[in-house]
Every structure is written in C-alpha cells, then in structure tokens.
C-alpha cells in the first residue's frame, strides 16, 4: 500500500453580471474558470501568495465582475517504483523518436539545397551525439528493468 498525497485545487473564477430589475448584480450560480492551481497541499500552503496575486490580477482585468477562489482538496496515491520506471522508459523512447524526427527533417530540408554535406552540418552532428546518448540511456533503463 502506497501513501496518499493530499492535493489542493484552487480555481480562480469570475462570476458574470446579470441584469435584474434594471441593475447589474453578480450571478453566483454560474462562473468561468480563469486559472487553476493544482499542487500538493504543502507546496500550495507555502506559496499561497501566488494564488492571491493571480486573483488580484484577475480583479484588475475584470473590475466590474466578482472574482472568487474555489478550493477543493483530494488525495492522489503515490506511484510505485514499477510505474515510475515504465514512465521513464516511455519518456526516453519519446526523446529518441523526437531526435530521429529532427534529424530526418533537417536532412529533408538540406536535400533542397545544392550542397548536401550531412557529415559537416553542425546541427546534424550535435543531434547524432544527443541521439547516441539518449539511446544509451534507454538501453541502460531497459537492461535494469
């Protein structure tokens, strides 16, 4: 059984005005989300000034509307080691694919020019070095799995 982490979700919402008996009043039944802060409770408690700063910014942006901060708490289970390893492997595979795609795009771009010297292009040289590093890290992760 893994330990659960307490999260707090702060939603900064604006309540639109409705016309009632010739006057504009705040409609408390509907709101529009402007900003959402969704962090662990210990982080958000230390940085609560940031939520208040954003609420003040939104009040300046919408001076005739009512701005509220809605707070909700929930628990999120911590991930076990196997899930974390799988996510890291997936991220490493994504990085390898991204670098390969960048190299292919650069080769395709250079194929339209008159001189196609792929071995001396600084971008391709650097990308190939990064690709070797990423593939090595991926192979080390899959060996240790």
N, C-alpha and C. Protein backbone atom coordinates (compact mmCIF):
# COMPACT_ATOMS: atom_id res chain seq x y z
N UNK A 1 0.85 -1.18 0.00
CA UNK A 1 0.00 0.00 0.00
C UNK A 1 0.89 1.23 0.00
N UNK A 2 0.65 2.11 -0.94
CA UNK A 2 1.44 3.33 -1.01
C UNK A 2 0.72 4.45 -0.27
N UNK A 3 1.52 5.41 0.16
CA UNK A 3 0.98 6.54 0.90
C UNK A 3 0.29 7.51 -0.06
N UNK A 4 -0.80 8.11 0.40
CA UNK A 4 -1.53 9.05 -0.44
C UNK A 4 -1.04 10.47 -0.18
N UNK A 5 -1.03 11.27 -1.23
CA UNK A 5 -0.60 12.65 -1.14
C UNK A 5 -1.83 13.55 -1.20
N UNK A 6 -1.89 14.53 -0.30
CA UNK A 6 -3.02 15.46 -0.27
C UNK A 6 -2.77 16.60 -1.25
N UNK A 7 -3.68 16.79 -2.19
CA UNK A 7 -3.58 17.86 -3.17
C UNK A 7 -4.65 18.89 -2.90
N UNK A 8 -4.37 20.13 -3.29
CA UNK A 8 -5.36 21.20 -3.24
C UNK A 8 -5.51 21.79 -4.63
N UNK A 9 -6.75 21.97 -5.03
CA UNK A 9 -7.04 22.59 -6.32
C UNK A 9 -7.71 23.94 -6.05
N UNK A 10 -7.02 25.01 -6.44
CA UNK A 10 -7.57 26.36 -6.32
C UNK A 10 -8.01 26.82 -7.71
N UNK A 11 -9.28 27.15 -7.83
CA UNK A 11 -9.80 27.65 -9.10
C UNK A 11 -10.15 29.12 -8.92
N UNK A 12 -9.59 29.98 -9.75
CA UNK A 12 -9.94 31.39 -9.73
C UNK A 12 -11.03 31.57 -10.78
N UNK A 13 -12.21 31.99 -10.32
CA UNK A 13 -13.37 32.07 -11.19
C UNK A 13 -13.92 33.49 -11.21
N UNK A 14 -14.49 33.86 -12.35
CA UNK A 14 -15.18 35.13 -12.48
C UNK A 14 -16.67 34.83 -12.61
N UNK A 15 -17.45 35.57 -11.85
CA UNK A 15 -18.91 35.44 -11.91
C UNK A 15 -19.45 36.58 -12.76
N UNK A 16 -20.15 36.27 -13.84
CA UNK A 16 -20.64 37.34 -14.72
C UNK A 16 -21.78 38.12 -14.06
N UNK A 17 -22.02 39.29 -14.63
CA UNK A 17 -23.10 40.13 -14.13
C UNK A 17 -24.36 39.84 -14.93
N UNK A 18 -25.50 39.89 -14.24
CA UNK A 18 -26.79 39.74 -14.91
C UNK A 18 -27.63 40.97 -14.57
N UNK A 19 -28.54 41.29 -15.45
CA UNK A 19 -29.40 42.45 -15.24
C UNK A 19 -30.66 42.00 -14.51
N UNK A 20 -30.89 42.59 -13.35
CA UNK A 20 -32.04 42.21 -12.53
C UNK A 20 -32.69 43.49 -12.03
N UNK A 21 -33.94 43.72 -12.42
CA UNK A 21 -34.69 44.91 -12.03
C UNK A 21 -33.96 46.19 -12.43
N UNK A 22 -33.33 46.17 -13.59
CA UNK A 22 -32.64 47.36 -14.09
C UNK A 22 -31.23 47.53 -13.56
N UNK A 23 -30.81 46.73 -12.58
CA UNK A 23 -29.46 46.83 -12.02
C UNK A 23 -28.67 45.59 -12.41
N UNK A 24 -27.36 45.74 -12.44
CA UNK A 24 -26.48 44.61 -12.70
C UNK A 24 -26.04 44.02 -11.37
N UNK A 25 -26.29 42.72 -11.19
CA UNK A 25 -25.89 42.02 -9.98
C UNK A 25 -25.06 40.81 -10.37
N UNK A 26 -24.29 40.30 -9.41
CA UNK A 26 -23.44 39.16 -9.67
C UNK A 26 -24.26 37.88 -9.72
N UNK A 27 -24.01 37.09 -10.76
CA UNK A 27 -24.66 35.80 -10.89
C UNK A 27 -23.79 34.76 -10.19
N UNK A 28 -24.19 34.34 -8.99
CA UNK A 28 -23.39 33.39 -8.23
C UNK A 28 -23.62 31.94 -8.65
N UNK A 29 -24.55 31.70 -9.57
CA UNK A 29 -24.86 30.34 -9.98
C UNK A 29 -24.00 29.87 -11.15
N UNK A 30 -23.40 30.79 -11.88
CA UNK A 30 -22.54 30.38 -12.98
C UNK A 30 -21.21 31.12 -12.86
N UNK A 31 -20.15 30.45 -13.32
CA UNK A 31 -18.84 31.08 -13.27
C UNK A 31 -17.99 30.55 -14.41
N UNK A 32 -16.93 31.29 -14.71
CA UNK A 32 -15.96 30.89 -15.74
C UNK A 32 -14.60 30.77 -15.08
N UNK A 33 -13.93 29.63 -15.30
CA UNK A 33 -12.59 29.44 -14.73
C UNK A 33 -11.59 30.29 -15.48
N UNK A 34 -10.78 31.00 -14.73
CA UNK A 34 -9.72 31.81 -15.34
C UNK A 34 -8.35 31.17 -15.16
N UNK A 35 -8.12 30.56 -14.00
CA UNK A 35 -6.81 29.97 -13.70
C UNK A 35 -7.03 28.85 -12.69
N UNK A 36 -6.25 27.77 -12.83
CA UNK A 36 -6.35 26.63 -11.92
C UNK A 36 -4.96 26.33 -11.37
N UNK A 37 -4.85 26.23 -10.06
CA UNK A 37 -3.63 25.80 -9.40
C UNK A 37 -3.91 24.44 -8.79
N UNK A 38 -3.17 23.43 -9.21
CA UNK A 38 -3.41 22.06 -8.76
C UNK A 38 -2.08 21.47 -8.30
N UNK A 39 -1.77 21.63 -7.01
CA UNK A 39 -0.48 21.23 -6.47
C UNK A 39 -0.66 20.49 -5.15
N UNK A 40 0.38 19.79 -4.69
CA UNK A 40 0.32 19.19 -3.36
C UNK A 40 0.09 20.26 -2.29
N UNK A 41 -0.58 19.86 -1.23
CA UNK A 41 -1.01 20.83 -0.22
C UNK A 41 0.16 21.55 0.43
N UNK A 42 1.26 20.84 0.70
CA UNK A 42 2.37 21.51 1.39
C UNK A 42 3.01 22.57 0.51
N UNK A 43 2.98 22.39 -0.80
CA UNK A 43 3.54 23.40 -1.71
C UNK A 43 2.62 24.60 -1.79
N UNK A 44 1.34 24.37 -1.95
CA UNK A 44 0.41 25.48 -2.12
C UNK A 44 0.26 26.28 -0.84
N UNK A 45 0.45 25.64 0.32
CA UNK A 45 0.36 26.39 1.57
C UNK A 45 1.53 27.35 1.73
N UNK A 46 2.70 26.96 1.23
CA UNK A 46 3.86 27.85 1.28
C UNK A 46 3.78 28.96 0.25
N UNK A 47 3.08 28.71 -0.85
CA UNK A 47 3.02 29.68 -1.95
C UNK A 47 1.61 30.21 -2.15
N UNK A 48 0.88 30.40 -1.09
CA UNK A 48 -0.50 30.86 -1.22
C UNK A 48 -0.56 32.29 -1.75
N UNK A 49 0.51 33.06 -1.54
CA UNK A 49 0.55 34.43 -2.04
C UNK A 49 0.43 34.46 -3.55
N UNK A 50 0.88 33.39 -4.24
CA UNK A 50 0.79 33.34 -5.68
C UNK A 50 -0.67 33.25 -6.14
N UNK A 51 -1.46 32.48 -5.43
CA UNK A 51 -2.89 32.37 -5.76
C UNK A 51 -3.55 33.73 -5.56
N UNK A 52 -3.23 34.40 -4.45
CA UNK A 52 -3.81 35.72 -4.19
C UNK A 52 -3.36 36.74 -5.23
N UNK A 53 -2.12 36.64 -5.67
CA UNK A 53 -1.62 37.54 -6.71
C UNK A 53 -2.41 37.38 -7.99
N UNK A 54 -2.64 36.13 -8.40
CA UNK A 54 -3.42 35.89 -9.61
C UNK A 54 -4.86 36.36 -9.46
N UNK A 55 -5.43 36.18 -8.28
CA UNK A 55 -6.80 36.66 -8.05
C UNK A 55 -6.84 38.19 -8.17
N UNK A 56 -5.82 38.86 -7.64
CA UNK A 56 -5.77 40.32 -7.75
C UNK A 56 -5.60 40.77 -9.20
N UNK A 57 -4.77 40.04 -9.96
CA UNK A 57 -4.60 40.36 -11.38
C UNK A 57 -5.93 40.23 -12.12
N UNK A 58 -6.66 39.18 -11.82
CA UNK A 58 -7.94 38.97 -12.50
C UNK A 58 -8.97 40.00 -12.07
N UNK A 59 -8.89 40.48 -10.83
CA UNK A 59 -9.82 41.51 -10.38
C UNK A 59 -9.54 42.83 -11.12
N UNK A 60 -8.26 43.09 -11.38
CA UNK A 60 -7.90 44.28 -12.16
C UNK A 60 -8.37 44.12 -13.61
N UNK A 61 -8.27 42.90 -14.13
CA UNK A 61 -8.67 42.64 -15.51
C UNK A 61 -10.19 42.73 -15.69
N UNK A 62 -10.93 42.28 -14.68
CA UNK A 62 -12.40 42.31 -14.72
C UNK A 62 -12.91 43.13 -13.54
N UNK A 63 -12.81 44.45 -13.59
CA UNK A 63 -13.14 45.26 -12.41
C UNK A 63 -14.62 45.26 -12.03
N UNK A 64 -15.50 45.02 -12.97
CA UNK A 64 -16.94 45.08 -12.67
C UNK A 64 -17.52 43.72 -12.32
N UNK A 65 -16.70 42.69 -12.29
CA UNK A 65 -17.18 41.35 -12.01
C UNK A 65 -16.68 40.87 -10.65
N UNK A 66 -17.30 39.83 -10.16
CA UNK A 66 -16.94 39.26 -8.86
C UNK A 66 -15.96 38.11 -9.09
N UNK A 67 -14.78 38.18 -8.45
CA UNK A 67 -13.76 37.14 -8.57
C UNK A 67 -13.75 36.33 -7.27
N UNK A 68 -13.78 35.00 -7.41
CA UNK A 68 -13.74 34.12 -6.23
C UNK A 68 -12.68 33.05 -6.42
N UNK A 69 -12.16 32.56 -5.29
CA UNK A 69 -11.23 31.45 -5.29
C UNK A 69 -11.96 30.25 -4.71
N UNK A 70 -12.14 29.21 -5.52
CA UNK A 70 -12.78 27.98 -5.06
C UNK A 70 -11.67 26.98 -4.72
N UNK A 71 -11.75 26.39 -3.53
CA UNK A 71 -10.72 25.46 -3.07
C UNK A 71 -11.35 24.08 -2.88
N UNK A 72 -10.67 23.06 -3.40
CA UNK A 72 -11.12 21.69 -3.21
C UNK A 72 -9.89 20.83 -2.93
N UNK A 73 -10.00 19.92 -2.02
CA UNK A 73 -8.90 19.02 -1.69
C UNK A 73 -9.21 17.61 -2.12
N UNK A 74 -8.19 16.87 -2.45
CA UNK A 74 -8.36 15.46 -2.81
C UNK A 74 -7.05 14.74 -2.56
N UNK A 75 -7.12 13.43 -2.53
CA UNK A 75 -5.93 12.60 -2.32
C UNK A 75 -5.56 11.90 -3.61
N UNK A 76 -4.27 11.84 -3.87
CA UNK A 76 -3.76 11.18 -5.06
C UNK A 76 -2.72 10.17 -4.60
N UNK A 77 -2.85 8.92 -4.95
CA UNK A 77 -1.88 7.94 -4.46
C UNK A 77 -0.51 8.11 -5.12
N UNK A 78 0.53 7.89 -4.34
CA UNK A 78 1.87 7.95 -4.91
C UNK A 78 2.08 6.73 -5.79
N UNK A 79 2.90 6.90 -6.79
CA UNK A 79 3.14 5.81 -7.74
C UNK A 79 4.20 4.86 -7.19
N UNK A 80 4.05 3.60 -7.53
CA UNK A 80 5.06 2.62 -7.10
C UNK A 80 6.25 2.67 -8.06
N UNK A 81 7.32 1.99 -7.70
CA UNK A 81 8.57 2.07 -8.46
C UNK A 81 8.43 1.53 -9.87
N UNK A 82 7.64 0.49 -10.05
CA UNK A 82 7.48 -0.10 -11.38
C UNK A 82 6.81 0.88 -12.35
N UNK A 83 5.80 1.58 -11.88
CA UNK A 83 5.11 2.56 -12.73
C UNK A 83 6.04 3.71 -13.09
N UNK A 84 6.82 4.15 -12.12
CA UNK A 84 7.77 5.24 -12.38
C UNK A 84 8.79 4.82 -13.42
N UNK A 85 9.30 3.58 -13.32
CA UNK A 85 10.27 3.09 -14.31
C UNK A 85 9.65 3.02 -15.70
N UNK A 86 8.41 2.55 -15.79
CA UNK A 86 7.74 2.46 -17.09
C UNK A 86 7.56 3.84 -17.71
N UNK A 87 7.22 4.83 -16.88
CA UNK A 87 7.05 6.19 -17.40
C UNK A 87 8.38 6.79 -17.85
N UNK A 88 9.44 6.49 -17.13
CA UNK A 88 10.76 6.99 -17.54
C UNK A 88 11.21 6.36 -18.85
N UNK A 89 10.93 5.06 -19.02
CA UNK A 89 11.28 4.38 -20.27
C UNK A 89 10.47 4.97 -21.43
N UNK A 90 9.19 5.23 -21.20
CA UNK A 90 8.36 5.83 -22.24
C UNK A 90 8.87 7.23 -22.61
N UNK A 91 9.30 7.99 -21.62
CA UNK A 91 9.85 9.32 -21.90
C UNK A 91 11.16 9.22 -22.69
N UNK A 92 11.99 8.25 -22.34
CA UNK A 92 13.26 8.06 -23.07
C UNK A 92 13.00 7.65 -24.52
N UNK A 93 12.03 6.77 -24.73
CA UNK A 93 11.67 6.37 -26.10
C UNK A 93 11.16 7.58 -26.89
N UNK A 94 10.37 8.40 -26.23
CA UNK A 94 9.87 9.61 -26.89
C UNK A 94 10.99 10.56 -27.27
N UNK A 95 11.99 10.67 -26.40
CA UNK A 95 13.12 11.55 -26.70
C UNK A 95 13.91 11.03 -27.89
N UNK A 96 14.13 9.71 -27.96
CA UNK A 96 14.84 9.13 -29.10
C UNK A 96 14.06 9.39 -30.38
N UNK A 97 12.75 9.17 -30.35
CA UNK A 97 11.93 9.39 -31.54
C UNK A 97 11.97 10.84 -31.98
N UNK A 98 11.94 11.75 -31.02
CA UNK A 98 11.96 13.18 -31.34
C UNK A 98 13.26 13.57 -32.01
N UNK A 99 14.38 13.08 -31.50
CA UNK A 99 15.68 13.41 -32.10
C UNK A 99 15.78 12.82 -33.51
N UNK A 100 15.31 11.59 -33.69
CA UNK A 100 15.34 10.98 -35.03
C UNK A 100 14.50 11.79 -36.01
N UNK A 101 13.35 12.24 -35.55
CA UNK A 101 12.47 13.04 -36.41
C UNK A 101 13.13 14.37 -36.78
N UNK A 102 13.84 14.99 -35.82
CA UNK A 102 14.53 16.24 -36.12
C UNK A 102 15.64 16.04 -37.15
N UNK A 103 16.36 14.94 -37.02
CA UNK A 103 17.42 14.65 -37.99
C UNK A 103 16.82 14.43 -39.38
N UNK A 104 15.73 13.68 -39.45
CA UNK A 104 15.08 13.44 -40.74
C UNK A 104 14.58 14.74 -41.37
N UNK A 105 14.01 15.63 -40.54
CA UNK A 105 13.53 16.91 -41.06
C UNK A 105 14.68 17.75 -41.58
N UNK A 106 15.81 17.73 -40.87
CA UNK A 106 16.97 18.51 -41.30
C UNK A 106 17.53 17.95 -42.61
N UNK A 107 17.59 16.64 -42.74
CA UNK A 107 18.07 16.04 -43.99
C UNK A 107 17.13 16.38 -45.14
N UNK A 108 15.84 16.35 -44.87
CA UNK A 108 14.87 16.69 -45.89
C UNK A 108 15.00 18.16 -46.30
N UNK A 109 15.25 19.01 -45.32
CA UNK A 109 15.43 20.43 -45.59
C UNK A 109 16.70 20.69 -46.40
N UNK A 110 17.75 19.97 -46.05
CA UNK A 110 19.03 20.15 -46.77
C UNK A 110 19.00 19.54 -48.16
N UNK A 111 18.09 18.61 -48.41
CA UNK A 111 18.04 17.97 -49.73
C UNK A 111 17.57 18.94 -50.81
N UNK A 112 16.96 20.05 -50.41
CA UNK A 112 16.51 21.04 -51.38
C UNK A 112 17.63 21.99 -51.78
N UNK A 113 18.74 21.98 -51.04
CA UNK A 113 19.86 22.86 -51.38
C UNK A 113 20.79 22.19 -52.37
N UNK A 114 21.71 22.97 -52.87
CA UNK A 114 22.63 22.46 -53.87
C UNK A 114 23.71 21.58 -53.26
N UNK A 115 24.23 22.00 -52.09
CA UNK A 115 25.27 21.22 -51.41
C UNK A 115 24.65 20.48 -50.25
N UNK A 116 24.76 19.18 -50.29
CA UNK A 116 24.15 18.35 -49.25
C UNK A 116 25.23 17.60 -48.49
N UNK A 117 25.96 18.33 -47.68
CA UNK A 117 27.02 17.72 -46.89
C UNK A 117 26.47 17.47 -45.48
N UNK A 118 25.92 16.27 -45.28
CA UNK A 118 25.29 15.96 -43.99
C UNK A 118 26.31 15.73 -42.88
N UNK A 119 27.51 15.30 -43.26
CA UNK A 119 28.51 14.97 -42.24
C UNK A 119 29.14 16.20 -41.61
N UNK A 120 29.10 17.34 -42.26
CA UNK A 120 29.72 18.54 -41.70
C UNK A 120 28.69 19.54 -41.17
N UNK A 121 27.42 19.22 -41.26
CA UNK A 121 26.39 20.12 -40.74
C UNK A 121 26.42 20.10 -39.21
N UNK A 122 26.59 21.25 -38.56
CA UNK A 122 26.72 21.26 -37.10
C UNK A 122 25.45 20.78 -36.38
N UNK A 123 24.28 21.06 -36.95
CA UNK A 123 23.03 20.61 -36.32
C UNK A 123 22.94 19.09 -36.32
N UNK A 124 23.26 18.48 -37.45
CA UNK A 124 23.16 17.02 -37.54
C UNK A 124 24.22 16.35 -36.68
N UNK A 125 25.42 16.93 -36.61
CA UNK A 125 26.48 16.36 -35.76
C UNK A 125 26.03 16.36 -34.30
N UNK A 126 25.50 17.51 -33.83
CA UNK A 126 25.04 17.61 -32.45
C UNK A 126 23.85 16.69 -32.19
N UNK A 127 22.93 16.62 -33.16
CA UNK A 127 21.75 15.76 -32.99
C UNK A 127 22.14 14.29 -32.92
N UNK A 128 23.11 13.89 -33.71
CA UNK A 128 23.56 12.49 -33.66
C UNK A 128 24.23 12.16 -32.34
N UNK A 129 24.99 13.12 -31.79
CA UNK A 129 25.58 12.91 -30.46
C UNK A 129 24.49 12.74 -29.39
N UNK A 130 23.49 13.62 -29.46
CA UNK A 130 22.38 13.54 -28.50
C UNK A 130 21.62 12.22 -28.68
N UNK A 131 21.47 11.79 -29.93
CA UNK A 131 20.77 10.54 -30.20
C UNK A 131 21.52 9.35 -29.60
N UNK A 132 22.84 9.34 -29.74
CA UNK A 132 23.63 8.25 -29.14
C UNK A 132 23.48 8.23 -27.62
N UNK A 133 23.51 9.42 -27.00
CA UNK A 133 23.35 9.50 -25.54
C UNK A 133 21.97 8.99 -25.12
N UNK A 134 20.94 9.44 -25.85
CA UNK A 134 19.58 9.03 -25.50
C UNK A 134 19.38 7.53 -25.68
N UNK A 135 19.91 6.98 -26.76
CA UNK A 135 19.78 5.53 -26.99
C UNK A 135 20.54 4.74 -25.94
N UNK A 136 21.71 5.24 -25.51
CA UNK A 136 22.47 4.57 -24.46
C UNK A 136 21.69 4.57 -23.14
N UNK A 137 21.11 5.72 -22.79
CA UNK A 137 20.31 5.80 -21.56
C UNK A 137 19.10 4.88 -21.63
N UNK A 138 18.47 4.82 -22.79
CA UNK A 138 17.32 3.94 -22.96
C UNK A 138 17.73 2.48 -22.82
N UNK A 139 18.87 2.10 -23.40
CA UNK A 139 19.33 0.71 -23.28
C UNK A 139 19.66 0.37 -21.82
N UNK A 140 20.23 1.33 -21.08
CA UNK A 140 20.52 1.08 -19.68
C UNK A 140 19.26 0.92 -18.86
N UNK A 141 18.23 1.69 -19.18
CA UNK A 141 16.95 1.58 -18.47
C UNK A 141 16.28 0.24 -18.74
N UNK A 142 16.32 -0.20 -19.99
CA UNK A 142 15.65 -1.46 -20.32
C UNK A 142 16.42 -2.66 -19.78
N UNK A 143 17.75 -2.54 -19.62
CA UNK A 143 18.53 -3.63 -19.02
C UNK A 143 18.18 -3.78 -17.55
N UNK A 144 18.02 -2.65 -16.86
CA UNK A 144 17.74 -2.68 -15.41
C UNK A 144 16.30 -3.00 -15.09
N UNK A 145 15.45 -3.11 -16.09
CA UNK A 145 14.04 -3.41 -15.83
C UNK A 145 13.90 -4.87 -15.52
